[in-house]
Amino acid sequence: MTKKIFGWGLIGCGGAGRAHARYAAADTDVAVRAFCDVDAGNAERLAAEHDGAVHTTDPSRLLEDPEIDIVAIATAHDSHADLAVAAFEAGKHLFLEKPMAMSVADCLRIEAARKASGCRLQLNFSIRFSGAARAIRERLGTPLVSHGQCTQSPADLTLWRWHPTIGGGPLYDVGVHALDLLCWVHDAEPVEVYATGGQITHAGQLGSPDMVDTCAATLRFANGAVGTFLMADAGRNELMSKWFFEFYDGADTAVLHEHFKTATFTRPDADSGELVTETVKPPEAPRLCDLVSAIRSGTDPAISSREGIRSAVLVECIEASIRTGEAQAVKIPAF
């Protein structure tokens, strides 16, 4: 039998959407069909790079197209929930940019629509596709202690990502990446979070006094392991890069650095006990093959609704801990 090729369409043709288009164009199981953006020029320019692709400002043209099987959504964060629900109601599989949504309630709304549709959802937690991150998860033992951080240069506050309702600020934009990676490498569920911080680097400038721009958090996992998470745009250094993670399993250690391109392992030599260091830089894994495989097999991809809901729960716990000064129990709702 001829293997099915899945028609693919994109809603949201900005910087993240361009990356999604590259993932789709590189996948032999996918045929690029259409581009949609509120800015007609953005959609037209991307369509011009893919011969025969449709361009539009109307998402319904993609959702009603029987030749489109997979919809990628790379729009502003506050639009994810409504667009994702509409995609599932139209019977489309979904490749969804992070965050899954701007609240746990909206994440659950997406999952309810997905379940009712019988379709598949994959989230774009991009560090999961890092070859270096995958090497750490495969080669290191179960971590006992970890640290993850995202530290960047002071932000352009005119960007939509810093709008209190449209983007939600850095916890929703980049924090979800780090929180997901810590849970994934620990291979354990978080059970408690304590955080401090708040609106420190941009006090009074963010349109809402509740938006968090800086946090330092401690996570406790169900297996007793602990991790720390630092997020700030108070400055950046090239030694550790924007993203930096450390994992310790009681004997061996691993560091993820160079914008998650490189992993450095340190372990004691079996004979001498002296520390031996090895640095690797594996290639990035493809983005869409896991979703395509899940569609074919009727199973969930590795980065599915559960991971999106968990990250949303952790963000809300961090915000609550900062607000109250108290540790928060992490409770993943049933879905």
Protein backbone atom coordinates (compact mmCIF):
# COMPACT_ATOMS: atom_id res chain seq x y z
CA MET A 1 0.00 0.00 0.00
CA THR A 2 1.12 3.57 -0.68
CA LYS A 3 2.08 5.36 2.52
CA LYS A 4 -0.19 8.32 3.28
CA ILE A 5 1.34 11.77 3.01
CA PHE A 6 -0.22 14.19 5.51
CA GLY A 7 -1.30 17.62 4.31
CA TRP A 8 0.01 20.37 6.57
CA GLY A 9 -1.07 23.96 7.18
CA LEU A 10 0.26 26.72 9.42
CA ILE A 11 -1.61 29.36 11.42
CA GLY A 12 0.81 32.08 12.52
CA CYS A 13 3.61 33.01 10.11
CA GLY A 14 5.97 34.95 12.36
CA GLY A 15 9.40 33.81 13.53
CA ALA A 16 8.18 30.66 15.24
CA GLY A 17 5.92 29.88 12.29
CA ARG A 18 8.86 30.07 9.89
CA ALA A 19 10.61 27.44 12.00
CA HIS A 20 7.48 25.26 11.85
CA ALA A 21 7.48 25.58 8.07
CA ARG A 22 11.09 24.36 7.96
CA TYR A 23 10.16 21.31 10.07
CA ALA A 24 7.29 20.48 7.72
CA ALA A 25 9.29 21.00 4.53
CA ALA A 26 12.01 18.68 5.83
CA ASP A 27 9.60 15.83 6.58
CA THR A 28 8.93 13.41 3.72
CA ASP A 29 5.66 12.28 5.36
CA VAL A 30 4.25 15.82 5.15
CA ALA A 31 3.09 18.00 2.24
CA VAL A 32 2.95 21.75 2.87
CA ARG A 33 -0.48 23.02 1.78
CA ALA A 34 -1.33 26.41 3.30
CA PHE A 35 -0.29 29.40 5.40
CA CYS A 36 -2.49 31.71 7.47
CA ASP A 37 -1.63 34.90 9.34
CA VAL A 38 -3.48 38.04 10.44
CA ASP A 39 -0.83 39.89 8.40
CA ALA A 40 -1.57 38.89 4.79
CA GLY A 41 2.00 39.73 3.77
CA ASN A 42 3.50 37.26 6.24
CA ALA A 43 1.35 34.43 4.90
CA GLU A 44 1.98 35.38 1.27
CA ARG A 45 5.74 35.50 1.72
CA LEU A 46 5.89 32.07 3.32
CA ALA A 47 3.57 30.59 0.69
CA ALA A 48 5.84 31.96 -2.04
CA GLU A 49 8.67 29.86 -0.61
CA HIS A 50 6.55 26.71 -0.95
CA ASP A 51 5.26 26.28 -4.50
CA GLY A 52 1.53 25.76 -4.70
CA ALA A 53 0.79 26.63 -1.07
CA VAL A 54 -2.33 28.66 -0.32
CA HIS A 55 -2.10 31.86 1.73
CA THR A 56 -4.94 33.47 3.68
CA THR A 57 -5.86 35.57 6.70
CA ASP A 58 -8.81 33.27 7.54
CA PRO A 59 -8.02 30.20 9.72
CA SER A 60 -11.28 28.55 8.65
CA ARG A 61 -9.86 28.07 5.14
CA LEU A 62 -7.26 25.70 6.61
CA LEU A 63 -9.64 24.05 9.06
CA GLU A 64 -12.22 23.33 6.35
CA ASP A 65 -9.69 22.06 3.80
CA PRO A 66 -10.04 18.25 3.47
CA GLU A 67 -6.48 18.02 2.11
CA ILE A 68 -5.02 19.34 5.39
CA ASP A 69 -4.54 16.67 8.07
CA ILE A 70 -2.13 18.46 10.42
CA VAL A 71 -2.42 22.08 11.56
CA ALA A 72 0.52 23.85 13.18
CA ILE A 73 -0.31 26.78 15.46
CA ALA A 74 2.38 29.39 16.14
CA THR A 75 0.31 32.41 17.11
CA ALA A 76 0.26 34.65 20.19
CA HIS A 77 -0.18 32.68 23.39
CA ASP A 78 -3.67 33.89 24.25
CA SER A 79 -5.04 32.57 20.93
CA HIS A 80 -3.80 28.99 21.36
CA ALA A 81 -6.81 27.64 23.22
CA ASP A 82 -9.54 28.84 20.83
CA LEU A 83 -7.57 27.92 17.70
CA ALA A 84 -6.62 24.49 19.07
CA VAL A 85 -10.21 23.69 20.01
CA ALA A 86 -11.38 24.80 16.57
CA ALA A 87 -8.72 22.61 14.90
CA PHE A 88 -9.83 19.54 16.84
CA GLU A 89 -13.49 20.25 16.14
CA ALA A 90 -12.52 20.30 12.46
CA GLY A 91 -10.88 16.89 12.82
CA LYS A 92 -7.28 18.09 12.45
CA HIS A 93 -4.21 16.75 14.21
CA LEU A 94 -2.21 19.50 15.90
CA PHE A 95 1.41 20.60 16.27
CA LEU A 96 1.11 23.36 18.86
CA GLU A 97 3.71 25.93 19.83
CA LYS A 98 4.33 26.36 23.56
CA PRO A 99 2.79 27.27 25.92
CA MET A 100 -0.16 24.95 25.46
CA ALA A 101 -2.37 27.78 26.74
CA MET A 102 -2.37 30.68 29.20
CA SER A 103 -4.09 28.78 32.00
CA VAL A 104 -4.58 25.26 33.26
CA ALA A 105 -8.30 25.64 32.58
CA ASP A 106 -7.66 26.41 28.91
CA CYS A 107 -5.20 23.52 28.64
CA LEU A 108 -7.94 21.21 29.92
CA ARG A 109 -10.37 22.70 27.42
CA ILE A 110 -7.95 21.86 24.60
CA GLU A 111 -7.49 18.31 25.87
CA ALA A 112 -11.26 17.77 26.14
CA ALA A 113 -11.64 18.83 22.50
CA ARG A 114 -8.73 16.61 21.45
CA LYS A 115 -10.16 13.60 23.24
CA ALA A 116 -13.58 14.15 21.68
CA SER A 117 -12.02 14.40 18.22
CA GLY A 118 -9.79 11.33 18.49
CA CYS A 119 -6.96 13.40 17.01
CA ARG A 120 -3.33 13.73 18.18
CA LEU A 121 -1.52 16.69 19.76
CA GLN A 122 2.20 17.35 19.92
CA LEU A 123 3.69 20.36 21.71
CA ASN A 124 6.80 22.15 20.52
CA PHE A 125 8.91 22.07 23.69
CA SER A 126 11.97 22.66 21.55
CA ILE A 127 14.71 21.66 24.04
CA ARG A 128 13.29 18.12 23.93
CA PHE A 129 14.53 17.88 20.33
CA SER A 130 18.08 18.86 21.27
CA GLY A 131 20.46 15.98 20.55
CA ALA A 132 22.53 17.05 23.55
CA ALA A 133 19.51 17.01 25.89
CA ARG A 134 18.53 13.58 24.60
CA ALA A 135 22.07 12.31 25.20
CA ILE A 136 21.87 13.47 28.82
CA ARG A 137 18.56 11.71 29.39
CA GLU A 138 19.87 8.50 27.80
CA ARG A 139 23.35 8.38 29.34
CA LEU A 140 22.96 9.84 32.84
CA GLY A 141 21.45 7.93 35.72
CA THR A 142 18.34 9.23 37.48
CA PRO A 143 19.25 12.75 38.65
CA LEU A 144 19.17 13.48 42.36
CA VAL A 145 19.83 17.20 41.95
CA SER A 146 19.45 19.61 39.03
CA HIS A 147 19.57 23.26 38.08
CA GLY A 148 18.03 24.97 35.07
CA GLN A 149 18.06 28.59 34.04
CA CYS A 150 17.07 31.03 31.35
CA THR A 151 18.94 34.32 31.72
CA GLN A 152 18.76 36.86 28.92
CA SER A 153 19.46 40.48 28.09
CA PRO A 154 16.84 43.06 29.14
CA ALA A 155 13.78 42.62 26.95
CA ASP A 156 12.03 44.85 24.45
CA LEU A 157 8.85 45.48 26.41
CA THR A 158 6.93 46.48 23.27
CA LEU A 159 6.90 42.85 22.11
CA TRP A 160 3.57 41.02 22.45
CA ARG A 161 5.22 38.37 24.63
CA TRP A 162 5.36 40.96 27.42
CA HIS A 163 1.70 41.90 27.21
CA PRO A 164 -0.04 40.67 30.40
CA THR A 165 -2.88 38.89 28.59
CA ILE A 166 -1.56 38.28 25.06
CA GLY A 167 1.85 36.84 25.97
CA GLY A 168 1.98 36.60 29.75
CA GLY A 169 5.67 37.36 30.08
CA PRO A 170 8.71 35.09 30.35
CA LEU A 171 7.23 32.33 32.50
CA TYR A 172 4.83 31.49 29.67
CA ASP A 173 7.28 32.25 26.87
CA VAL A 174 10.51 30.59 28.03
CA GLY A 175 9.90 29.32 31.56
CA VAL A 176 7.71 26.46 30.33
CA HIS A 177 10.66 25.13 28.29
CA ALA A 178 12.91 24.83 31.34
CA LEU A 179 10.22 23.41 33.60
CA ASP A 180 9.34 20.75 31.04
CA LEU A 181 13.00 19.78 30.54
CA LEU A 182 13.64 19.41 34.29
CA CYS A 183 10.65 17.08 34.64
CA TRP A 184 11.66 15.10 31.54
CA VAL A 185 15.27 14.49 32.54
CA HIS A 186 14.31 13.69 36.14
CA ASP A 187 11.67 11.30 34.75
CA ALA A 188 9.56 12.04 37.82
CA GLU A 189 6.50 14.09 38.64
CA PRO A 190 6.95 17.36 40.56
CA VAL A 191 5.07 17.38 43.86
CA GLU A 192 6.00 20.71 45.46
CA VAL A 193 7.25 24.13 44.36
CA TYR A 194 8.57 27.06 46.37
CA ALA A 195 9.40 30.27 44.51
CA THR A 196 10.48 33.81 45.21
CA GLY A 197 10.80 36.77 42.87
CA GLY A 198 8.15 38.81 41.10
CA GLN A 199 8.33 41.95 38.99
CA ILE A 200 11.92 42.97 39.66
CA THR A 201 13.74 44.00 36.49
CA HIS A 202 10.75 45.89 35.03
CA ALA A 203 8.85 47.02 38.13
CA GLY A 204 5.72 48.95 37.19
CA GLN A 205 6.39 48.69 33.43
CA LEU A 206 4.50 45.54 32.41
CA GLY A 207 0.85 46.58 32.27
CA SER A 208 -0.02 44.40 35.26
CA PRO A 209 1.56 44.32 38.73
CA ASP A 210 1.03 40.55 38.80
CA MET A 211 3.24 39.67 35.83
CA VAL A 212 6.41 37.85 36.92
CA ASP A 213 9.65 38.78 35.16
CA THR A 214 12.09 37.17 37.61
CA CYS A 215 11.95 34.03 39.71
CA ALA A 216 14.07 31.57 41.61
CA ALA A 217 12.20 28.34 42.33
CA THR A 218 12.85 25.00 44.00
CA LEU A 219 11.07 21.88 42.77
CA ARG A 220 10.69 18.66 44.74
CA PHE A 221 9.95 15.50 42.77
CA ALA A 222 7.99 12.42 43.74
CA ASN A 223 11.18 10.33 43.94
CA GLY A 224 12.78 12.75 46.43
CA ALA A 225 15.02 14.52 43.92
CA VAL A 226 15.24 18.32 43.93
CA GLY A 227 15.81 20.91 41.22
CA THR A 228 16.21 24.66 41.05
CA PHE A 229 15.01 27.01 38.33
CA LEU A 230 16.20 30.58 37.69
CA MET A 231 14.59 32.95 35.21
CA ALA A 232 15.52 36.59 34.62
CA ASP A 233 16.24 39.11 31.91
CA ALA A 234 18.69 41.05 34.07
CA GLY A 235 21.65 40.31 31.77
CA ARG A 236 23.35 37.50 29.91
CA ASN A 237 26.81 36.03 29.67
CA GLU A 238 28.29 33.96 26.88
CA LEU A 239 30.01 31.49 29.22
CA MET A 240 26.74 29.73 30.02
CA SER A 241 24.53 31.18 27.23
CA LYS A 242 20.83 31.97 27.55
CA TRP A 243 20.01 28.38 28.54
CA PHE A 244 22.04 26.40 31.07
CA PHE A 245 21.23 23.13 32.89
CA GLU A 246 23.14 20.86 35.30
CA PHE A 247 22.20 17.34 36.40
CA TYR A 248 23.83 15.18 39.12
CA ASP A 249 22.98 11.50 39.67
CA GLY A 250 25.16 10.89 42.74
CA ALA A 251 28.31 9.99 40.80
CA ASP A 252 28.13 11.27 37.23
CA THR A 253 27.18 14.78 36.15
CA ALA A 254 25.97 16.38 32.94
CA VAL A 255 25.83 19.99 31.79
CA LEU A 256 23.64 21.21 28.92
CA HIS A 257 25.05 24.43 27.47
CA GLU A 258 25.74 26.47 24.32
CA HIS A 259 22.01 27.14 23.86
CA PHE A 260 21.29 23.43 24.48
CA LYS A 261 23.51 22.35 21.57
CA THR A 262 26.25 20.77 23.70
CA ALA A 263 26.39 18.28 26.59
CA THR A 264 29.41 17.83 28.83
CA PHE A 265 29.61 14.69 30.98
CA THR A 266 31.91 14.24 33.95
CA ARG A 267 32.40 10.90 35.71
CA PRO A 268 35.06 9.26 37.88
CA ASP A 269 37.41 6.86 36.09
CA ALA A 270 36.60 3.26 37.06
CA ASP A 271 40.23 2.51 37.98
CA SER A 272 41.85 5.72 39.17
CA GLY A 273 38.80 7.60 40.43
CA GLU A 274 40.02 10.72 38.65
CA LEU A 275 37.35 12.79 36.95
CA VAL A 276 37.01 12.28 33.21
CA THR A 277 35.18 14.79 31.04
CA GLU A 278 33.58 14.22 27.64
CA THR A 279 31.81 16.80 25.50
CA VAL A 280 29.35 15.82 22.75
CA LYS A 281 27.32 17.82 20.24
CA PRO A 282 24.76 15.47 18.64
CA PRO A 283 22.46 16.73 15.87
CA GLU A 284 18.95 17.94 16.60
CA ALA A 285 16.13 15.42 16.28
CA PRO A 286 13.40 16.02 13.65
CA ARG A 287 10.21 17.63 14.94
CA LEU A 288 7.28 16.04 13.17
CA CYS A 289 8.16 12.35 12.88
CA ASP A 290 6.87 11.52 16.37
CA LEU A 291 3.51 13.17 15.64
CA VAL A 292 3.24 11.38 12.29
CA SER A 293 4.07 8.07 13.96
CA ALA A 294 1.46 8.72 16.66
CA ILE A 295 -1.19 9.48 14.02
CA ARG A 296 -0.39 6.27 12.16
CA SER A 297 -0.42 4.13 15.32
CA GLY A 298 -3.27 5.86 17.18
CA THR A 299 -1.04 6.55 20.20
CA ASP A 300 0.06 9.76 21.90
CA PRO A 301 3.35 11.43 20.90
CA ALA A 302 6.04 11.85 23.56
CA ILE A 303 5.22 15.53 24.09
CA SER A 304 1.45 15.52 24.42
CA SER A 305 -1.29 17.24 26.41
CA ARG A 306 0.04 15.89 29.69
CA GLU A 307 3.31 17.76 29.31
CA GLY A 308 1.53 20.98 28.40
CA ILE A 309 -0.88 20.72 31.32
CA ARG A 310 1.95 19.92 33.75
CA SER A 311 3.96 22.96 32.67
CA ALA A 312 0.90 25.19 33.04
CA VAL A 313 0.32 23.82 36.55
CA LEU A 314 3.96 24.55 37.47
CA VAL A 315 3.73 28.13 36.17
CA GLU A 316 0.58 28.74 38.20
CA CYS A 317 2.24 27.20 41.28
CA ILE A 318 5.28 29.46 40.87
CA GLU A 319 3.05 32.52 40.55
CA ALA A 320 1.05 31.47 43.62
CA SER A 321 4.18 30.80 45.68
CA ILE A 322 5.64 34.20 44.81
CA ARG A 323 2.33 35.85 45.67
CA THR A 324 1.79 34.05 49.00
CA GLY A 325 5.34 33.34 50.13
CA GLU A 326 4.37 29.70 50.69
CA ALA A 327 5.32 26.41 49.07
CA GLN A 328 2.66 25.04 46.72
CA ALA A 329 1.62 21.44 46.31
CA VAL A 330 1.70 20.46 42.61
CA LYS A 331 -1.59 18.80 41.72
CA ILE A 332 -2.02 17.65 38.14
CA PRO A 333 -5.78 17.61 37.44
CA ALA A 334 -7.46 14.54 36.01
CA PHE A 335 -8.19 14.79 32.30
